[in-house]
Amino acid sequence: MANGLYDAGREGFLGGDIDWDANTIKVALIDAADYTRNLATHNFWDDVPGAARVAVSGALTGKTKVGGTADADDVTWSSVTGDVSEEVVCFSDTGGADSTDPLIFDMDTFSSGMPVTPNGGNINFVPNASGLFKL
């Protein structure tokens, strides 16, 4: 598998439904044993089963967009327990139902640390220095 943008995320950016600066953007640790991603057909957060969601961040901070590349500050999930996590999924949290939260990207390779086995401690998400994704 490789990192990828969901088609729905691309459409959301192009249609103005996702605003990287203004929207609440979150990332989640995902157990691939409970989720088989489909970048073409999965549109919203409810396409990721609850059993696959190991930890969800708060809103990303320090978001930037330079030359079409989106980036944000590193994320720390606190006191994580649960299944081994092989992926990170990013979505725009609309504040409504999961069926209204567009998926943006799925990442299984970044600077280091994947897969990760939660042990009750903190888990840090440190994306590649080149950013999270490029449109």
C-alpha atoms as a PDB file:
ATOM      1  CA  MET A   1       0.000   0.000   0.000  1.00  0.00           C
ATOM      2  CA  ALA A   2       1.072   3.622  -0.359  1.00  0.00           C
ATOM      3  CA  ASN A   3      -0.039   7.014   0.839  1.00  0.00           C
ATOM      4  CA  GLY A   4      -2.985   8.428  -1.061  1.00  0.00           C
ATOM      5  CA  LEU A   5      -5.657  11.087  -1.259  1.00  0.00           C
ATOM      6  CA  TYR A   6      -9.292  10.040  -1.234  1.00  0.00           C
ATOM      7  CA  ASP A   7     -11.150  11.102  -4.377  1.00  0.00           C
ATOM      8  CA  ALA A   8     -13.770  12.699  -2.125  1.00  0.00           C
ATOM      9  CA  GLY A   9     -11.068  14.802  -0.485  1.00  0.00           C
ATOM     10  CA  ARG A  10      -9.785  16.017  -3.831  1.00  0.00           C
ATOM     11  CA  GLU A  11     -13.342  16.888  -4.882  1.00  0.00           C
ATOM     12  CA  GLY A  12     -13.910  18.649  -1.560  1.00  0.00           C
ATOM     13  CA  PHE A  13     -10.899  20.896  -2.070  1.00  0.00           C
ATOM     14  CA  LEU A  14     -11.764  21.619  -5.711  1.00  0.00           C
ATOM     15  CA  GLY A  15     -15.415  22.343  -4.878  1.00  0.00           C
ATOM     16  CA  GLY A  16     -14.578  24.537  -1.896  1.00  0.00           C
ATOM     17  CA  ASP A  17     -16.248  22.189   0.607  1.00  0.00           C
ATOM     18  CA  ILE A  18     -12.953  21.564   2.430  1.00  0.00           C
ATOM     19  CA  ASP A  19     -11.019  24.637   3.546  1.00  0.00           C
ATOM     20  CA  TRP A  20      -7.610  23.564   4.903  1.00  0.00           C
ATOM     21  CA  ASP A  21      -7.211  26.841   6.805  1.00  0.00           C
ATOM     22  CA  ALA A  22     -10.684  27.217   8.292  1.00  0.00           C
ATOM     23  CA  ASN A  23     -12.018  23.661   8.776  1.00  0.00           C
ATOM     24  CA  THR A  24     -11.347  21.430  11.762  1.00  0.00           C
ATOM     25  CA  ILE A  25      -8.980  18.832  10.329  1.00  0.00           C
ATOM     26  CA  LYS A  26      -8.150  15.701  12.359  1.00  0.00           C
ATOM     27  CA  VAL A  27      -6.049  12.571  11.968  1.00  0.00           C
ATOM     28  CA  ALA A  28      -6.743   9.117  13.348  1.00  0.00           C
ATOM     29  CA  LEU A  29      -4.700   5.995  13.982  1.00  0.00           C
ATOM     30  CA  ILE A  30      -6.276   3.115  12.082  1.00  0.00           C
ATOM     31  CA  ASP A  31      -6.055  -0.666  12.491  1.00  0.00           C
ATOM     32  CA  ALA A  32      -5.766  -2.043   8.948  1.00  0.00           C
ATOM     33  CA  ALA A  33      -7.085  -5.416  10.134  1.00  0.00           C
ATOM     34  CA  ASP A  34     -10.455  -3.706  10.615  1.00  0.00           C
ATOM     35  CA  TYR A  35     -10.379  -1.340   7.625  1.00  0.00           C
ATOM     36  CA  THR A  36      -9.622  -1.880   3.966  1.00  0.00           C
ATOM     37  CA  ARG A  37      -9.318   1.521   2.409  1.00  0.00           C
ATOM     38  CA  ASN A  38     -10.756   2.381  -0.959  1.00  0.00           C
ATOM     39  CA  LEU A  39      -9.564   5.790  -2.102  1.00  0.00           C
ATOM     40  CA  ALA A  40     -12.107   5.869  -4.937  1.00  0.00           C
ATOM     41  CA  THR A  41     -15.304   4.930  -3.100  1.00  0.00           C
ATOM     42  CA  HIS A  42     -14.827   5.854   0.560  1.00  0.00           C
ATOM     43  CA  ASN A  43     -16.116   9.382   1.003  1.00  0.00           C
ATOM     44  CA  PHE A  44     -16.827  10.105   4.665  1.00  0.00           C
ATOM     45  CA  TRP A  45     -15.569   9.220   8.133  1.00  0.00           C
ATOM     46  CA  ASP A  46     -18.432   6.727   8.566  1.00  0.00           C
ATOM     47  CA  ASP A  47     -16.756   4.584   5.865  1.00  0.00           C
ATOM     48  CA  VAL A  48     -14.048   3.816   8.444  1.00  0.00           C
ATOM     49  CA  PRO A  49     -15.530   1.258  10.891  1.00  0.00           C
ATOM     50  CA  GLY A  50     -15.515   2.145  14.569  1.00  0.00           C
ATOM     51  CA  ALA A  51     -13.472  -0.983  15.323  1.00  0.00           C
ATOM     52  CA  ALA A  52     -10.662   0.356  13.116  1.00  0.00           C
ATOM     53  CA  ARG A  53     -10.400   3.707  14.922  1.00  0.00           C
ATOM     54  CA  VAL A  54      -7.663   3.398  17.539  1.00  0.00           C
ATOM     55  CA  ALA A  55      -7.137   7.094  18.396  1.00  0.00           C
ATOM     56  CA  VAL A  56      -8.401  10.409  16.990  1.00  0.00           C
ATOM     57  CA  SER A  57      -6.522  13.686  17.340  1.00  0.00           C
ATOM     58  CA  GLY A  58      -7.866  17.064  18.221  1.00  0.00           C
ATOM     59  CA  ALA A  59      -7.882  19.727  15.520  1.00  0.00           C
ATOM     60  CA  LEU A  60      -4.591  20.022  13.644  1.00  0.00           C
ATOM     61  CA  THR A  61      -2.644  23.177  14.460  1.00  0.00           C
ATOM     62  CA  GLY A  62      -0.083  25.158  12.525  1.00  0.00           C
ATOM     63  CA  LYS A  63      -1.693  24.260   9.200  1.00  0.00           C
ATOM     64  CA  THR A  64       0.079  25.633   6.138  1.00  0.00           C
ATOM     65  CA  LYS A  65      -0.339  25.386   2.388  1.00  0.00           C
ATOM     66  CA  VAL A  66       2.645  26.358   0.291  1.00  0.00           C
ATOM     67  CA  GLY A  67       2.975  25.478  -3.392  1.00  0.00           C
ATOM     68  CA  GLY A  68      -0.042  23.175  -3.145  1.00  0.00           C
ATOM     69  CA  THR A  69       1.473  21.198  -0.247  1.00  0.00           C
ATOM     70  CA  ALA A  70      -0.553  20.885   2.945  1.00  0.00           C
ATOM     71  CA  ASP A  71       1.261  20.542   6.247  1.00  0.00           C
ATOM     72  CA  ALA A  72       0.571  20.915   9.966  1.00  0.00           C
ATOM     73  CA  ASP A  73       2.271  20.620  13.326  1.00  0.00           C
ATOM     74  CA  ASP A  74       3.163  17.182  14.614  1.00  0.00           C
ATOM     75  CA  VAL A  75       0.403  15.391  16.528  1.00  0.00           C
ATOM     76  CA  THR A  76       0.559  13.511  19.824  1.00  0.00           C
ATOM     77  CA  TRP A  77      -2.158  11.037  20.737  1.00  0.00           C
ATOM     78  CA  SER A  78      -2.172  10.653  24.532  1.00  0.00           C
ATOM     79  CA  SER A  79      -2.412   7.428  26.543  1.00  0.00           C
ATOM     80  CA  VAL A  80      -3.240   5.236  23.543  1.00  0.00           C
ATOM     81  CA  THR A  81      -4.503   1.697  23.994  1.00  0.00           C
ATOM     82  CA  GLY A  82      -5.981  -0.679  21.454  1.00  0.00           C
ATOM     83  CA  ASP A  83      -5.015  -2.545  18.333  1.00  0.00           C
ATOM     84  CA  VAL A  84      -1.807  -2.278  16.354  1.00  0.00           C
ATOM     85  CA  SER A  85      -2.155   0.681  13.971  1.00  0.00           C
ATOM     86  CA  GLU A  86      -0.795   0.590  10.445  1.00  0.00           C
ATOM     87  CA  GLU A  87      -2.398   3.702   8.946  1.00  0.00           C
ATOM     88  CA  VAL A  88      -3.295   7.321   9.609  1.00  0.00           C
ATOM     89  CA  VAL A  89      -6.516   8.687   8.104  1.00  0.00           C
ATOM     90  CA  CYS A  90      -7.184  12.409   7.830  1.00  0.00           C
ATOM     91  CA  PHE A  91     -10.673  13.909   7.668  1.00  0.00           C
ATOM     92  CA  SER A  92     -12.465  17.224   7.956  1.00  0.00           C
ATOM     93  CA  ASP A  93     -14.623  17.233  11.107  1.00  0.00           C
ATOM     94  CA  THR A  94     -17.781  19.171  10.307  1.00  0.00           C
ATOM     95  CA  GLY A  95     -19.100  18.913  13.853  1.00  0.00           C
ATOM     96  CA  GLY A  96     -22.035  16.846  12.613  1.00  0.00           C
ATOM     97  CA  ALA A  97     -22.528  13.176  11.920  1.00  0.00           C
ATOM     98  CA  ASP A  98     -19.635  11.004  10.730  1.00  0.00           C
ATOM     99  CA  SER A  99     -21.494  10.738   7.418  1.00  0.00           C
ATOM    100  CA  THR A 100     -20.778  14.447   6.806  1.00  0.00           C
ATOM    101  CA  ASP A 101     -17.025  14.390   7.580  1.00  0.00           C
ATOM    102  CA  PRO A 102     -15.087  14.125   4.289  1.00  0.00           C
ATOM    103  CA  LEU A 103     -12.055  11.855   4.133  1.00  0.00           C
ATOM    104  CA  ILE A 104      -8.873  13.562   2.913  1.00  0.00           C
ATOM    105  CA  PHE A 105      -5.950  11.117   2.927  1.00  0.00           C
ATOM    106  CA  ASP A 106      -4.780   7.710   4.097  1.00  0.00           C
ATOM    107  CA  MET A 107      -1.123   7.339   5.004  1.00  0.00           C
ATOM    108  CA  ASP A 108       0.759   4.185   5.895  1.00  0.00           C
ATOM    109  CA  THR A 109       4.272   5.490   5.390  1.00  0.00           C
ATOM    110  CA  PHE A 110       5.720   8.640   6.856  1.00  0.00           C
ATOM    111  CA  SER A 111       8.949   9.585   8.580  1.00  0.00           C
ATOM    112  CA  SER A 112       8.963   6.669  11.039  1.00  0.00           C
ATOM    113  CA  GLY A 113       7.037   4.611  13.499  1.00  0.00           C
ATOM    114  CA  MET A 114       4.489   2.596  11.522  1.00  0.00           C
ATOM    115  CA  PRO A 115       3.075   0.216  12.378  1.00  0.00           C
ATOM    116  CA  VAL A 116       2.748   1.200  16.020  1.00  0.00           C
ATOM    117  CA  THR A 117       1.597  -0.943  18.937  1.00  0.00           C
ATOM    118  CA  PRO A 118      -0.277   1.091  21.562  1.00  0.00           C
ATOM    119  CA  ASN A 119       0.896   0.420  25.107  1.00  0.00           C
ATOM    120  CA  GLY A 120      -0.950   3.080  27.094  1.00  0.00           C
ATOM    121  CA  GLY A 121       1.667   5.729  26.356  1.00  0.00           C
ATOM    122  CA  ASN A 122       1.706   8.633  23.956  1.00  0.00           C
ATOM    123  CA  ILE A 123       2.105   8.137  20.199  1.00  0.00           C
ATOM    124  CA  ASN A 124       3.630  10.869  18.071  1.00  0.00           C
ATOM    125  CA  PHE A 125       2.699  11.482  14.443  1.00  0.00           C
ATOM    126  CA  VAL A 126       5.631  13.140  12.715  1.00  0.00           C
ATOM    127  CA  PRO A 127       4.891  13.511   8.992  1.00  0.00           C
ATOM    128  CA  ASN A 128       7.540  13.717   6.316  1.00  0.00           C
ATOM    129  CA  ALA A 129       9.436  16.999   6.175  1.00  0.00           C
ATOM    130  CA  SER A 130       7.978  17.508   2.685  1.00  0.00           C
ATOM    131  CA  GLY A 131       4.465  17.888   4.142  1.00  0.00           C
ATOM    132  CA  LEU A 132       1.340  15.790   4.548  1.00  0.00           C
ATOM    133  CA  PHE A 133       0.142  15.795   0.955  1.00  0.00           C
ATOM    134  CA  LYS A 134       0.218  17.801  -2.258  1.00  0.00           C
ATOM    135  CA  LEU A 135      -2.731  18.583  -4.495  1.00  0.00           C
END
